[in-house]
């Protein structure tokens, strides 16, 4: 248990952090300086915003829902009870931090299980939460303002503080980045045999058909459907930009067709991380955001609703939000827990 026995949790101002199960990205995705929430994340945000209305003596201050955790400042027994709570009698005064957090987590767990049954949430087990939570008693105005600032700046610092430019490391023809690029994305778990690419959007000035101009394709090429597209790209001799979230492999570990394409100016590998870094989920999200922001037009395979990639595609669409029907129309095999 993380509680401090010397603190009265029925009265005070507290900065609270609750982590998602297994530190998985299940509530949404960072796009620029904003966390774009999926359906589960929106439920978390709504529930946090209404805590002060549902529990006597509780007042919510600043809060933020991040891809794999939440931060909030809550005041308990500080501002006094509302008139309707006074009428409820002494029993209404017994809410403490543990009870408020426990009920909040239980409610979101119920919402999560419902969304999971509908295929709209990432499967992280029986609960979306890590056990327990972290709290800090706020004792000064300076501390309070510091925590408020931390909460407000949290989304903007999510990727900026962790990862450098996606183009920090390169291998191949860097000039390909000056071309109009055709992005391709697809979720983990989608069957390669079910691949039927479809165009989701084109940016202004990108109306020309890429099938005629053979514009370079940009993708991470990591999911099964993305790998299938990459194989066809290599076989057709088409130009490509491949993003490697875990670092560009050593040339000795690359297949001969990829090396040949890069040496002949048809291919480019880029990465924000040095060789041998290894896969990191948030870095992969950062790389997918780069694709969506830099592609003149976007094509997709199957994208699982409620997962991180779906949040990114919807948030960064130049033509407005894309509905669930526009993301995935075919079944997939069970994906690894927490997969993009």
Protein backbone atom coordinates (compact mmCIF):
# COMPACT_ATOMS: atom_id res chain seq x y z
CA UNK A 1 0.00 0.00 0.00
CA UNK A 2 1.20 3.50 -0.87
CA UNK A 3 -0.82 5.44 1.72
CA UNK A 4 0.91 7.47 4.40
CA UNK A 5 -0.51 6.75 7.87
CA UNK A 6 0.36 10.26 8.99
CA UNK A 7 -1.98 11.86 6.45
CA UNK A 8 -5.69 12.47 7.01
CA UNK A 9 -7.15 11.44 3.64
CA UNK A 10 -10.57 12.85 4.57
CA UNK A 11 -9.31 16.42 4.43
CA UNK A 12 -6.77 18.00 2.14
CA UNK A 13 -5.71 18.67 -1.43
CA UNK A 14 -4.13 15.74 -3.24
CA UNK A 15 -2.27 15.22 -6.50
CA UNK A 16 -3.16 11.72 -7.72
CA UNK A 17 -1.73 9.48 -10.44
CA UNK A 18 -3.39 6.24 -11.58
CA UNK A 19 -1.60 4.01 -14.06
CA UNK A 20 -3.17 1.78 -16.72
CA UNK A 21 -2.69 -1.97 -16.41
CA UNK A 22 0.77 -3.10 -17.50
CA UNK A 23 1.51 0.54 -18.43
CA UNK A 24 -0.35 -0.08 -21.69
CA UNK A 25 -1.58 2.66 -24.00
CA UNK A 26 -5.35 2.17 -23.76
CA UNK A 27 -6.97 5.60 -23.41
CA UNK A 28 -5.88 7.29 -26.65
CA UNK A 29 -2.85 8.74 -28.36
CA UNK A 30 -0.80 11.92 -28.30
CA UNK A 31 -1.09 13.96 -31.50
CA UNK A 32 1.03 17.10 -31.33
CA UNK A 33 0.38 18.71 -27.96
CA UNK A 34 -2.96 17.04 -27.29
CA UNK A 35 -4.09 13.63 -26.09
CA UNK A 36 -6.75 12.37 -28.48
CA UNK A 37 -8.99 10.10 -26.44
CA UNK A 38 -10.74 6.96 -27.61
CA UNK A 39 -14.13 5.89 -26.24
CA UNK A 40 -12.64 4.51 -23.03
CA UNK A 41 -10.50 7.61 -22.57
CA UNK A 42 -13.53 9.85 -23.02
CA UNK A 43 -15.36 7.86 -20.33
CA UNK A 44 -12.40 8.37 -17.98
CA UNK A 45 -12.38 12.11 -18.72
CA UNK A 46 -16.13 12.42 -18.16
CA UNK A 47 -15.98 10.48 -14.90
CA UNK A 48 -13.12 12.57 -13.53
CA UNK A 49 -14.93 15.77 -14.44
CA UNK A 50 -18.02 14.73 -12.50
CA UNK A 51 -16.38 13.41 -9.31
CA UNK A 52 -17.13 16.65 -7.49
CA UNK A 53 -20.82 16.35 -8.38
CA UNK A 54 -21.12 12.75 -7.27
CA UNK A 55 -19.31 12.79 -3.93
CA UNK A 56 -20.09 15.16 -1.03
CA UNK A 57 -17.19 17.30 0.10
CA UNK A 58 -15.17 16.53 -3.05
CA UNK A 59 -13.99 19.25 -5.43
CA UNK A 60 -12.07 18.51 -8.63
CA UNK A 61 -9.28 20.83 -9.73
CA UNK A 62 -7.12 20.27 -12.85
CA UNK A 63 -6.91 16.82 -14.44
CA UNK A 64 -5.64 15.15 -17.60
CA UNK A 65 -6.13 11.76 -19.23
CA UNK A 66 -2.97 10.48 -20.91
CA UNK A 67 -2.53 7.39 -23.12
CA UNK A 68 -1.60 5.13 -20.20
CA UNK A 69 -2.33 7.08 -17.01
CA UNK A 70 -4.32 9.89 -15.44
CA UNK A 71 -3.31 12.81 -13.24
CA UNK A 72 -5.72 14.89 -11.21
CA UNK A 73 -5.88 17.28 -8.30
CA UNK A 74 -8.76 16.71 -5.89
CA UNK A 75 -9.79 18.65 -2.80
CA UNK A 76 -11.56 16.70 -0.06
CA UNK A 77 -13.31 18.42 2.84
CA UNK A 78 -11.61 21.71 2.01
CA UNK A 79 -14.31 23.89 0.47
CA UNK A 80 -17.10 22.62 2.70
CA UNK A 81 -20.26 20.71 1.78
CA UNK A 82 -22.92 21.98 -0.58
CA UNK A 83 -26.36 22.60 0.88
CA UNK A 84 -27.78 19.36 -0.49
CA UNK A 85 -24.89 17.45 1.08
CA UNK A 86 -25.42 19.14 4.42
CA UNK A 87 -28.95 17.78 4.35
CA UNK A 88 -27.58 14.26 3.83
CA UNK A 89 -26.22 14.34 7.37
CA UNK A 90 -22.97 13.16 8.93
CA UNK A 91 -22.78 10.02 6.77
CA UNK A 92 -22.12 12.19 3.73
CA UNK A 93 -18.94 13.49 5.35
CA UNK A 94 -17.12 10.12 5.42
CA UNK A 95 -15.72 10.08 1.88
CA UNK A 96 -11.95 9.91 1.84
CA UNK A 97 -9.44 9.78 -1.02
CA UNK A 98 -9.32 5.99 -1.08
CA UNK A 99 -13.10 5.67 -1.39
CA UNK A 100 -13.31 8.25 -4.18
CA UNK A 101 -10.46 6.70 -6.19
CA UNK A 102 -11.76 3.18 -5.60
CA UNK A 103 -15.24 3.98 -6.88
CA UNK A 104 -13.84 5.85 -9.86
CA UNK A 105 -11.63 2.90 -10.81
CA UNK A 106 -14.49 0.43 -10.37
CA UNK A 107 -16.81 2.43 -12.61
CA UNK A 108 -14.22 2.72 -15.38
CA UNK A 109 -13.49 -1.01 -15.08
CA UNK A 110 -17.18 -1.67 -15.77
CA UNK A 111 -17.12 0.63 -18.80
CA UNK A 112 -13.93 -1.04 -20.01
CA UNK A 113 -15.42 -4.54 -19.84
CA UNK A 114 -18.42 -3.38 -21.85
CA UNK A 115 -16.24 -1.81 -24.55
CA UNK A 116 -13.97 -4.85 -24.58
CA UNK A 117 -16.96 -7.09 -25.28
CA UNK A 118 -17.81 -4.87 -28.24
CA UNK A 119 -14.25 -4.96 -29.59
CA UNK A 120 -13.72 -1.25 -28.85
CA UNK A 121 -10.99 -1.46 -26.21
CA UNK A 122 -7.51 -2.92 -25.96
CA UNK A 123 -7.49 -6.16 -23.99
CA UNK A 124 -5.27 -5.79 -20.93
CA UNK A 125 -7.05 -8.35 -18.75
CA UNK A 126 -9.91 -8.10 -16.28
CA UNK A 127 -9.23 -4.48 -15.28
CA UNK A 128 -7.82 -1.46 -17.10
CA UNK A 129 -5.97 -0.31 -13.99
CA UNK A 130 -2.71 -1.07 -12.32
CA UNK A 131 -3.13 -1.94 -8.65
CA UNK A 132 -3.28 0.98 -6.21
CA UNK A 133 -2.42 4.60 -7.06
CA UNK A 134 0.04 7.34 -6.13
CA UNK A 135 -0.83 10.46 -4.15
CA UNK A 136 0.94 13.58 -2.91
CA UNK A 137 -0.50 15.87 -0.25
CA UNK A 138 -0.43 19.45 -1.53
CA UNK A 139 0.44 21.80 1.32
CA UNK A 140 1.35 25.15 -0.30
CA UNK A 141 0.05 27.42 -3.04
CA UNK A 142 3.37 27.01 -4.86
CA UNK A 143 3.00 23.23 -4.88
CA UNK A 144 -0.57 23.50 -6.12
CA UNK A 145 0.38 25.75 -9.02
CA UNK A 146 3.33 23.48 -9.84
CA UNK A 147 1.09 20.41 -10.10
CA UNK A 148 -1.45 22.36 -12.15
CA UNK A 149 1.28 23.40 -14.58
CA UNK A 150 2.57 19.82 -14.75
CA UNK A 151 -0.91 18.57 -15.66
CA UNK A 152 -1.46 21.24 -18.32
CA UNK A 153 1.93 20.63 -19.95
CA UNK A 154 1.87 16.84 -19.73
CA UNK A 155 0.49 16.14 -23.26
CA UNK A 156 2.87 18.56 -24.98
CA UNK A 157 5.89 17.03 -23.25
CA UNK A 158 4.84 13.42 -23.89
CA UNK A 159 6.85 12.94 -27.10
CA UNK A 160 8.95 16.09 -27.15
CA UNK A 161 10.82 15.09 -24.01
CA UNK A 162 11.27 11.44 -25.03
CA UNK A 163 12.04 11.20 -28.73
CA UNK A 164 14.00 13.18 -31.26
CA UNK A 165 13.20 13.75 -34.92
CA UNK A 166 11.96 10.69 -36.80
CA UNK A 167 14.59 11.54 -39.43
CA UNK A 168 17.49 11.60 -36.94
CA UNK A 169 19.01 8.41 -38.43
CA UNK A 170 18.90 7.55 -42.13
CA UNK A 171 20.04 4.90 -44.59
CA UNK A 172 19.36 5.29 -48.30
CA UNK A 173 18.09 8.13 -50.47
CA UNK A 174 17.19 11.03 -48.17
CA UNK A 175 15.92 13.02 -51.16
CA UNK A 176 12.80 10.82 -51.12
CA UNK A 177 11.56 12.91 -48.19
CA UNK A 178 11.16 15.82 -50.62
CA UNK A 179 8.61 13.86 -52.67
CA UNK A 180 4.88 13.71 -52.18
CA UNK A 181 4.41 10.57 -50.09
CA UNK A 182 1.62 8.03 -49.92
CA UNK A 183 1.12 6.80 -46.37
CA UNK A 184 -0.04 3.28 -45.53
CA UNK A 185 -1.08 2.09 -42.07
CA UNK A 186 -2.78 -1.00 -40.64
CA UNK A 187 -3.30 -2.38 -37.15
CA UNK A 188 -1.50 -5.29 -35.59
CA UNK A 189 -3.56 -8.48 -35.66
CA UNK A 190 -5.18 -7.87 -39.05
CA UNK A 191 -4.79 -10.78 -41.46
CA UNK A 192 -2.51 -10.18 -44.43
CA UNK A 193 -4.76 -12.45 -46.48
CA UNK A 194 -7.66 -10.02 -45.86
CA UNK A 195 -5.74 -6.99 -47.12
CA UNK A 196 -7.85 -4.66 -49.26
CA UNK A 197 -6.22 -1.22 -49.14
CA UNK A 198 -8.54 1.79 -49.33
CA UNK A 199 -7.85 5.49 -49.44
CA UNK A 200 -8.94 7.37 -46.33
CA UNK A 201 -8.06 10.89 -47.41
CA UNK A 202 -6.01 13.19 -49.63
CA UNK A 203 -4.61 16.55 -48.63
CA UNK A 204 -5.24 19.62 -50.73
CA UNK A 205 -3.05 19.59 -53.83
CA UNK A 206 -2.57 15.81 -53.70
CA UNK A 207 -5.39 14.80 -56.02
CA UNK A 208 -3.15 13.07 -58.58
CA UNK A 209 -3.50 9.30 -58.47
CA UNK A 210 -0.45 7.67 -56.92
CA UNK A 211 -1.03 4.56 -59.09
CA UNK A 212 -0.15 6.69 -62.11
CA UNK A 213 2.69 8.71 -60.64
CA UNK A 214 4.12 5.91 -58.51
CA UNK A 215 4.71 8.19 -55.54
CA UNK A 216 6.88 6.72 -52.75
CA UNK A 217 5.07 4.82 -50.02
CA UNK A 218 5.82 5.71 -46.40
CA UNK A 219 5.01 3.33 -43.56
CA UNK A 220 6.52 1.57 -40.56
CA UNK A 221 5.79 -1.70 -42.38
CA UNK A 222 5.53 -3.60 -39.09
CA UNK A 223 2.03 -5.10 -38.94
CA UNK A 224 1.16 -8.13 -41.09
CA UNK A 225 -0.77 -6.06 -43.64
CA UNK A 226 1.95 -3.41 -43.73
CA UNK A 227 4.59 -6.10 -44.32
CA UNK A 228 2.49 -7.47 -47.17
CA UNK A 229 2.45 -4.02 -48.78
CA UNK A 230 6.22 -3.71 -48.30
CA UNK A 231 6.81 -7.07 -50.02
CA UNK A 232 4.74 -5.91 -53.00
CA UNK A 233 6.56 -2.56 -53.00
CA UNK A 234 9.95 -4.26 -53.21
CA UNK A 235 8.77 -6.71 -55.86
CA UNK A 236 7.43 -3.87 -58.03
CA UNK A 237 10.58 -1.77 -57.63
CA UNK A 238 8.53 1.08 -56.21
CA UNK A 239 10.16 3.77 -54.10
CA UNK A 240 9.56 3.73 -50.34
CA UNK A 241 10.36 5.36 -47.00
CA UNK A 242 10.39 2.85 -44.17
CA UNK A 243 10.31 4.14 -40.60
CA UNK A 244 12.08 1.96 -38.03
CA UNK A 245 10.84 2.82 -34.50
CA UNK A 246 13.45 0.58 -32.87
CA UNK A 247 16.40 1.86 -34.85
CA UNK A 248 17.63 1.06 -38.37
CA UNK A 249 18.96 -2.52 -38.46
CA UNK A 250 22.61 -3.08 -39.25
CA UNK A 251 23.12 -3.50 -43.00
CA UNK A 252 24.14 -7.12 -42.41
CA UNK A 253 20.70 -7.79 -40.91
CA UNK A 254 18.73 -6.25 -43.78
CA UNK A 255 17.40 -8.39 -46.60
CA UNK A 256 19.18 -8.08 -49.94
CA UNK A 257 16.20 -6.47 -51.71
CA UNK A 258 16.00 -3.65 -49.15
CA UNK A 259 19.76 -2.99 -49.30
CA UNK A 260 19.64 -2.95 -53.10
CA UNK A 261 16.73 -0.50 -53.14
CA UNK A 262 18.47 1.85 -50.72
CA UNK A 263 21.75 1.70 -52.64
CA UNK A 264 19.96 2.40 -55.94
CA UNK A 265 18.07 5.40 -54.56
CA UNK A 266 14.65 3.72 -54.49
CA UNK A 267 14.52 3.25 -50.74
CA UNK A 268 15.09 5.10 -47.48
CA UNK A 269 15.11 3.89 -43.90
CA UNK A 270 14.65 6.50 -41.16
CA UNK A 271 14.45 6.32 -37.37
CA UNK A 272 14.41 8.55 -34.29
CA UNK A 273 16.58 5.99 -32.46
CA UNK A 274 20.04 4.51 -33.06
CA UNK A 275 20.57 0.96 -34.27
CA UNK A 276 19.82 -1.68 -31.65
CA UNK A 277 17.53 0.50 -29.52
CA UNK A 278 14.58 -1.91 -29.70
CA UNK A 279 10.84 -1.42 -30.10
CA UNK A 280 9.05 1.02 -27.81
CA UNK A 281 5.28 1.46 -28.07
CA UNK A 282 5.26 5.21 -27.60
CA UNK A 283 8.09 5.69 -30.08
CA UNK A 284 6.07 3.65 -32.58
CA UNK A 285 3.12 6.00 -32.03
CA UNK A 286 5.46 8.96 -32.60
CA UNK A 287 6.53 7.39 -35.92
CA UNK A 288 2.94 6.77 -37.00
CA UNK A 289 2.14 10.40 -36.28
CA UNK A 290 5.00 11.37 -38.60
CA UNK A 291 3.45 9.27 -41.38
CA UNK A 292 0.03 10.85 -40.98
CA UNK A 293 1.39 14.39 -40.87
CA UNK A 294 3.72 14.02 -43.85
CA UNK A 295 1.71 11.85 -46.25
CA UNK A 296 0.02 13.66 -49.14
CA UNK A 297 -2.61 10.96 -49.05
CA UNK A 298 -3.34 8.11 -46.69
CA UNK A 299 -4.25 4.52 -47.48
CA UNK A 300 -5.10 1.91 -44.89
CA UNK A 301 -5.70 -1.73 -44.33
CA UNK A 302 -7.73 -2.76 -41.30
CA UNK A 303 -7.60 -0.39 -38.33
CA UNK A 304 -9.04 -1.62 -35.05
CA UNK A 305 -11.53 0.85 -33.48
CA UNK A 306 -10.55 1.98 -29.99
CA UNK A 307 -6.87 1.28 -30.47
CA UNK A 308 -4.08 3.85 -30.67
CA UNK A 309 -3.77 3.94 -34.44
CA UNK A 310 -7.50 4.60 -34.82
CA UNK A 311 -7.20 7.58 -32.45
CA UNK A 312 -4.32 9.01 -34.48
CA UNK A 313 -5.98 8.52 -37.87
CA UNK A 314 -9.17 10.19 -36.66
CA UNK A 315 -7.37 13.08 -34.96
CA UNK A 316 -5.10 13.91 -37.89
CA UNK A 317 -7.57 13.48 -40.73
CA UNK A 318 -7.62 16.71 -42.78
CA UNK A 319 -11.23 16.06 -43.76
CA UNK A 320 -12.72 15.62 -40.30
CA UNK A 321 -13.22 12.57 -38.06
CA UNK A 322 -13.40 9.12 -39.63
CA UNK A 323 -16.14 6.86 -38.28
CA UNK A 324 -15.68 3.27 -37.15
CA UNK A 325 -17.07 1.98 -40.44
CA UNK A 326 -14.28 3.78 -42.26
CA UNK A 327 -11.60 2.15 -40.16
CA UNK A 328 -12.23 -1.59 -40.28
CA UNK A 329 -14.72 -3.74 -42.10
CA UNK A 330 -13.16 -7.19 -41.76
CA UNK A 331 -12.35 -9.48 -38.80
CA UNK A 332 -8.88 -9.86 -37.39
CA UNK A 333 -7.06 -12.50 -35.45
CA UNK A 334 -6.59 -11.73 -31.71
CA UNK A 335 -3.83 -9.14 -31.41
CA UNK A 336 -1.13 -9.03 -28.72
CA UNK A 337 -2.32 -7.16 -25.66
CA UNK A 338 -1.69 -3.47 -26.07
CA UNK A 339 -0.87 -3.74 -29.80
CA UNK A 340 -1.29 -0.68 -31.96
